[in-house]
Amino acid sequence: MTAPAFYRLRVPNPDGATSTAVSVRVDPQRPDPYPVYLAVGGGRRRMHLTPDEAWALWRCLSEAVASLGEPPEHIRIRVTPARR
C-alpha cells in the first residue's frame, strides 16, 4: 500500500508578513476519484482533483505563468515528498 505523499512550498510575502503555503497531497489509495488535493494558503483555497484534472491544471497553469517572465528564486528548489 502506498502512503499519501505531501508536497509543500512556501511563497514569501514581499511585505514581510507571513508567507503563504502551497500544498499538494497525492493519495493513490483514496477510494474516490479525487486522489490529488491542492491547498493554497491557510485553508482559504482548497480543491480535490482527479488525475486528469490535475494534469490539465498543471499544463494550463505552467503555460500561463511562463508568459509572466522568469521564475522567482524561491521556486528554484527541489520539492520532495514528505509523509506529512
N, C-alpha and C. Protein backbone atom coordinates (compact mmCIF):
# COMPACT_ATOMS: atom_id res chain seq x y z
N MET A 1 0.84 -1.18 0.00
CA MET A 1 0.00 0.00 0.00
C MET A 1 0.89 1.24 0.00
N THR A 2 0.60 2.19 -0.88
CA THR A 2 1.36 3.42 -0.97
C THR A 2 0.74 4.47 -0.06
N ALA A 3 1.58 5.06 0.78
CA ALA A 3 1.12 6.10 1.70
C ALA A 3 0.95 7.42 0.95
N PRO A 4 0.09 8.30 1.45
CA PRO A 4 -0.04 9.61 0.82
C PRO A 4 1.30 10.35 0.85
N ALA A 5 1.53 11.13 -0.19
CA ALA A 5 2.73 11.97 -0.25
C ALA A 5 2.29 13.43 -0.23
N PHE A 6 3.03 14.25 0.49
CA PHE A 6 2.73 15.67 0.62
C PHE A 6 3.86 16.48 0.01
N TYR A 7 3.51 17.46 -0.80
CA TYR A 7 4.47 18.37 -1.41
C TYR A 7 4.10 19.77 -0.96
N ARG A 8 5.09 20.54 -0.49
CA ARG A 8 4.78 21.85 0.07
C ARG A 8 5.87 22.84 -0.30
N LEU A 9 5.44 24.05 -0.59
CA LEU A 9 6.36 25.14 -0.90
C LEU A 9 5.77 26.42 -0.31
N ARG A 10 6.63 27.21 0.32
CA ARG A 10 6.18 28.48 0.89
C ARG A 10 6.51 29.61 -0.06
N VAL A 11 5.56 30.53 -0.22
CA VAL A 11 5.73 31.70 -1.07
C VAL A 11 5.98 32.90 -0.17
N PRO A 12 7.17 33.52 -0.28
CA PRO A 12 7.45 34.66 0.57
C PRO A 12 6.53 35.85 0.26
N ASN A 13 6.18 36.58 1.28
CA ASN A 13 5.35 37.76 1.12
C ASN A 13 6.29 38.96 1.00
N PRO A 14 6.18 39.75 -0.06
CA PRO A 14 7.09 40.88 -0.25
C PRO A 14 6.97 41.94 0.85
N ASP A 15 5.85 41.99 1.55
CA ASP A 15 5.66 42.98 2.62
C ASP A 15 6.30 42.54 3.93
N GLY A 16 6.88 41.35 3.95
CA GLY A 16 7.49 40.84 5.17
C GLY A 16 6.50 40.17 6.09
N ALA A 17 5.25 40.12 5.70
CA ALA A 17 4.23 39.45 6.51
C ALA A 17 4.40 37.93 6.36
N THR A 18 3.51 37.19 6.95
CA THR A 18 3.56 35.73 6.90
C THR A 18 3.54 35.22 5.46
N SER A 19 4.34 34.21 5.19
CA SER A 19 4.36 33.61 3.85
C SER A 19 3.11 32.77 3.63
N THR A 20 2.85 32.45 2.38
CA THR A 20 1.72 31.62 2.01
C THR A 20 2.22 30.22 1.66
N ALA A 21 1.55 29.21 2.16
CA ALA A 21 1.92 27.83 1.85
C ALA A 21 1.08 27.31 0.68
N VAL A 22 1.73 26.59 -0.20
CA VAL A 22 1.05 25.86 -1.27
C VAL A 22 1.34 24.39 -1.01
N SER A 23 0.30 23.59 -0.83
CA SER A 23 0.46 22.17 -0.50
C SER A 23 -0.34 21.30 -1.45
N VAL A 24 0.24 20.16 -1.78
CA VAL A 24 -0.45 19.17 -2.61
C VAL A 24 -0.29 17.81 -1.93
N ARG A 25 -1.39 17.10 -1.78
CA ARG A 25 -1.36 15.73 -1.26
C ARG A 25 -1.77 14.81 -2.39
N VAL A 26 -1.00 13.75 -2.57
CA VAL A 26 -1.34 12.72 -3.55
C VAL A 26 -1.53 11.43 -2.79
N ASP A 27 -2.73 10.85 -2.91
CA ASP A 27 -3.06 9.63 -2.19
C ASP A 27 -3.62 8.61 -3.18
N PRO A 28 -2.74 7.77 -3.76
CA PRO A 28 -3.19 6.81 -4.76
C PRO A 28 -4.19 5.79 -4.23
N GLN A 29 -4.26 5.60 -2.92
CA GLN A 29 -5.17 4.62 -2.33
C GLN A 29 -6.53 5.21 -1.99
N ARG A 30 -6.73 6.49 -2.25
CA ARG A 30 -8.00 7.13 -1.94
C ARG A 30 -9.13 6.44 -2.71
N PRO A 31 -10.23 6.06 -2.04
CA PRO A 31 -11.28 5.29 -2.70
C PRO A 31 -12.13 6.08 -3.71
N ASP A 32 -12.15 7.39 -3.60
CA ASP A 32 -12.95 8.16 -4.56
C ASP A 32 -12.07 8.57 -5.75
N PRO A 33 -12.63 9.22 -6.76
CA PRO A 33 -11.85 9.55 -7.96
C PRO A 33 -10.96 10.79 -7.81
N TYR A 34 -10.77 11.30 -6.59
CA TYR A 34 -10.02 12.54 -6.39
C TYR A 34 -8.77 12.32 -5.53
N PRO A 35 -7.74 11.69 -6.06
CA PRO A 35 -6.56 11.40 -5.25
C PRO A 35 -5.62 12.59 -5.06
N VAL A 36 -5.86 13.70 -5.76
CA VAL A 36 -4.99 14.87 -5.63
C VAL A 36 -5.74 15.97 -4.88
N TYR A 37 -5.08 16.55 -3.90
CA TYR A 37 -5.69 17.60 -3.08
C TYR A 37 -4.76 18.79 -3.10
N LEU A 38 -5.25 19.95 -3.50
CA LEU A 38 -4.48 21.18 -3.60
C LEU A 38 -4.98 22.18 -2.57
N ALA A 39 -4.07 22.78 -1.82
CA ALA A 39 -4.43 23.82 -0.84
C ALA A 39 -3.47 24.99 -1.01
N VAL A 40 -4.03 26.19 -1.09
CA VAL A 40 -3.24 27.41 -1.20
C VAL A 40 -3.64 28.30 -0.03
N GLY A 41 -2.66 28.62 0.80
CA GLY A 41 -2.94 29.44 1.97
C GLY A 41 -3.49 28.63 3.11
N GLY A 42 -3.82 29.30 4.17
CA GLY A 42 -4.30 28.65 5.39
C GLY A 42 -5.76 28.25 5.31
N GLY A 43 -6.10 27.35 4.40
CA GLY A 43 -7.47 26.85 4.31
C GLY A 43 -8.39 27.69 3.48
N ARG A 44 -7.89 28.72 2.87
CA ARG A 44 -8.77 29.61 2.11
C ARG A 44 -9.16 29.01 0.76
N ARG A 45 -8.22 28.38 0.08
CA ARG A 45 -8.49 27.85 -1.26
C ARG A 45 -8.06 26.39 -1.30
N ARG A 46 -9.04 25.51 -1.44
CA ARG A 46 -8.77 24.07 -1.46
C ARG A 46 -9.55 23.42 -2.59
N MET A 47 -8.95 22.36 -3.16
CA MET A 47 -9.60 21.71 -4.29
C MET A 47 -9.17 20.25 -4.37
N HIS A 48 -10.14 19.37 -4.54
CA HIS A 48 -9.87 17.95 -4.81
C HIS A 48 -9.89 17.77 -6.31
N LEU A 49 -8.93 17.02 -6.85
CA LEU A 49 -8.80 16.86 -8.29
C LEU A 49 -8.65 15.40 -8.69
N THR A 50 -9.17 15.06 -9.85
CA THR A 50 -8.87 13.76 -10.45
C THR A 50 -7.47 13.87 -11.06
N PRO A 51 -6.83 12.76 -11.38
CA PRO A 51 -5.53 12.86 -12.05
C PRO A 51 -5.60 13.65 -13.37
N ASP A 52 -6.64 13.43 -14.17
CA ASP A 52 -6.76 14.17 -15.43
C ASP A 52 -6.92 15.67 -15.19
N GLU A 53 -7.70 16.04 -14.18
CA GLU A 53 -7.86 17.46 -13.86
C GLU A 53 -6.54 18.06 -13.38
N ALA A 54 -5.80 17.30 -12.57
CA ALA A 54 -4.51 17.79 -12.07
C ALA A 54 -3.54 18.02 -13.23
N TRP A 55 -3.49 17.09 -14.19
CA TRP A 55 -2.62 17.28 -15.35
C TRP A 55 -3.05 18.49 -16.17
N ALA A 56 -4.34 18.67 -16.37
CA ALA A 56 -4.83 19.83 -17.13
C ALA A 56 -4.49 21.13 -16.41
N LEU A 57 -4.66 21.14 -15.10
CA LEU A 57 -4.31 22.33 -14.31
C LEU A 57 -2.82 22.62 -14.45
N TRP A 58 -1.98 21.58 -14.32
CA TRP A 58 -0.53 21.75 -14.46
C TRP A 58 -0.18 22.37 -15.82
N ARG A 59 -0.77 21.83 -16.88
CA ARG A 59 -0.46 22.30 -18.22
C ARG A 59 -0.88 23.75 -18.43
N CYS A 60 -2.12 24.07 -18.08
CA CYS A 60 -2.62 25.44 -18.27
C CYS A 60 -1.88 26.43 -17.38
N LEU A 61 -1.68 26.07 -16.13
CA LEU A 61 -1.01 26.97 -15.20
C LEU A 61 0.44 27.20 -15.60
N SER A 62 1.14 26.15 -16.03
CA SER A 62 2.54 26.31 -16.40
C SER A 62 2.68 27.22 -17.62
N GLU A 63 1.81 27.08 -18.60
CA GLU A 63 1.86 27.95 -19.78
C GLU A 63 1.51 29.39 -19.41
N ALA A 64 0.49 29.57 -18.60
CA ALA A 64 0.06 30.91 -18.22
C ALA A 64 1.13 31.64 -17.41
N VAL A 65 1.71 30.95 -16.43
CA VAL A 65 2.71 31.58 -15.58
C VAL A 65 4.00 31.84 -16.36
N ALA A 66 4.35 30.97 -17.28
CA ALA A 66 5.55 31.17 -18.11
C ALA A 66 5.45 32.46 -18.92
N SER A 67 4.24 32.88 -19.25
CA SER A 67 4.06 34.11 -20.02
C SER A 67 4.35 35.36 -19.18
N LEU A 68 4.49 35.21 -17.87
CA LEU A 68 4.74 36.35 -16.99
C LEU A 68 6.22 36.71 -16.88
N GLY A 69 7.10 35.85 -17.38
CA GLY A 69 8.53 36.14 -17.32
C GLY A 69 9.29 35.05 -16.59
N GLU A 70 10.49 35.39 -16.16
CA GLU A 70 11.37 34.44 -15.48
C GLU A 70 10.80 34.04 -14.12
N PRO A 71 11.00 32.77 -13.71
CA PRO A 71 10.51 32.33 -12.40
C PRO A 71 11.30 32.98 -11.27
N PRO A 72 10.65 33.23 -10.13
CA PRO A 72 11.35 33.81 -8.98
C PRO A 72 12.29 32.81 -8.33
N GLU A 73 13.24 33.31 -7.57
CA GLU A 73 14.26 32.46 -6.94
C GLU A 73 13.67 31.45 -5.96
N HIS A 74 12.60 31.81 -5.24
CA HIS A 74 12.08 30.91 -4.20
C HIS A 74 11.51 29.60 -4.75
N ILE A 75 11.30 29.51 -6.05
CA ILE A 75 10.80 28.24 -6.58
C ILE A 75 11.90 27.40 -7.21
N ARG A 76 13.10 27.88 -7.19
CA ARG A 76 14.22 27.15 -7.80
C ARG A 76 14.83 26.14 -6.83
N ILE A 77 14.00 25.53 -6.04
CA ILE A 77 14.45 24.49 -5.12
C ILE A 77 13.77 23.18 -5.48
N ARG A 78 14.35 22.11 -5.05
CA ARG A 78 13.75 20.79 -5.28
C ARG A 78 12.67 20.56 -4.22
N VAL A 79 11.50 20.19 -4.65
CA VAL A 79 10.40 19.88 -3.74
C VAL A 79 10.29 18.37 -3.68
N THR A 80 10.51 17.82 -2.50
CA THR A 80 10.46 16.38 -2.34
C THR A 80 9.25 15.98 -1.51
N PRO A 81 8.72 14.80 -1.74
CA PRO A 81 7.54 14.38 -0.97
C PRO A 81 7.89 14.09 0.48
N ALA A 82 6.93 14.35 1.33
CA ALA A 82 7.05 14.04 2.76
C ALA A 82 5.87 13.19 3.15
N ARG A 83 6.00 12.49 4.25
CA ARG A 83 4.87 11.68 4.75
C ARG A 83 3.77 12.57 5.30
N ARG A 84 4.13 13.70 5.81
CA ARG A 84 3.16 14.67 6.35
C ARG A 84 3.84 15.97 6.58
